[in-house]
Amino acid sequence: MHAFLATRNYQLDFSDTRLHHEIYLTAPRKVEGSNQKTVICHPIAKAVDAYKY
């Protein structure tokens, strides 16, 4: 994921208030562990190009 972001001029944008989010597509209590589906969303931002300054 880090390499994919870097090739598109983005970077991860984590902070104390910006964390990842988990979206459960299946009910954890009703579906067996191997069949559970979850989407994990990471905050990203445009990478700062140090050579422009």
Protein backbone atom coordinates (compact mmCIF):
# COMPACT_ATOMS: atom_id res chain seq x y z
CA MET A 1 0.00 0.00 0.00
CA HIS A 2 2.85 2.39 0.82
CA ALA A 3 4.44 1.87 -2.60
CA PHE A 4 1.07 2.33 -4.35
CA LEU A 5 0.51 5.66 -2.56
CA ALA A 6 4.04 6.85 -3.30
CA THR A 7 3.69 6.21 -7.04
CA ARG A 8 0.60 8.44 -7.04
CA ASN A 9 2.15 11.22 -4.91
CA TYR A 10 0.14 10.48 -1.74
CA GLN A 11 1.12 9.60 1.81
CA LEU A 12 -0.64 8.22 4.89
CA ASP A 13 -2.07 10.99 7.06
CA PHE A 14 -2.36 9.51 10.57
CA SER A 15 -2.45 11.69 13.68
CA ASP A 16 -3.94 11.52 17.17
CA THR A 17 -7.33 12.50 15.74
CA ARG A 18 -7.08 10.88 12.28
CA LEU A 19 -7.02 7.11 12.62
CA HIS A 20 -8.14 4.23 10.44
CA HIS A 21 -11.81 3.21 10.25
CA GLU A 22 -13.19 -0.29 10.06
CA ILE A 23 -16.46 -1.00 8.26
CA TYR A 24 -17.87 -4.44 8.97
CA LEU A 25 -19.75 -5.83 5.97
CA THR A 26 -20.87 -8.93 7.87
CA ALA A 27 -22.19 -9.22 11.42
CA PRO A 28 -19.23 -10.43 13.57
CA ARG A 29 -21.50 -12.34 15.95
CA LYS A 30 -23.46 -14.09 13.19
CA VAL A 31 -20.77 -15.07 10.66
CA GLU A 32 -17.93 -17.52 11.14
CA GLY A 33 -14.50 -15.82 11.39
CA SER A 34 -13.19 -17.12 8.06
CA ASN A 35 -16.21 -15.66 6.24
CA GLN A 36 -16.20 -12.20 7.82
CA LYS A 37 -15.62 -9.22 5.55
CA THR A 38 -14.18 -5.87 6.71
CA VAL A 39 -13.14 -2.72 4.84
CA ILE A 40 -10.26 -0.82 6.45
CA CYS A 41 -9.99 2.87 5.47
CA HIS A 42 -6.75 4.79 6.02
CA PRO A 43 -6.58 8.60 5.87
CA ILE A 44 -4.32 9.86 3.08
CA ALA A 45 -3.12 13.25 1.87
CA LYS A 46 -1.19 14.61 -1.08
CA ALA A 47 2.53 14.15 -0.47
CA VAL A 48 4.52 17.32 0.09
CA ASP A 49 7.19 17.71 -2.56
CA ALA A 50 10.27 18.94 -0.68
CA TYR A 51 11.97 20.07 -3.90
CA LYS A 52 9.35 22.75 -4.65
CA TYR A 53 10.47 24.93 -1.72
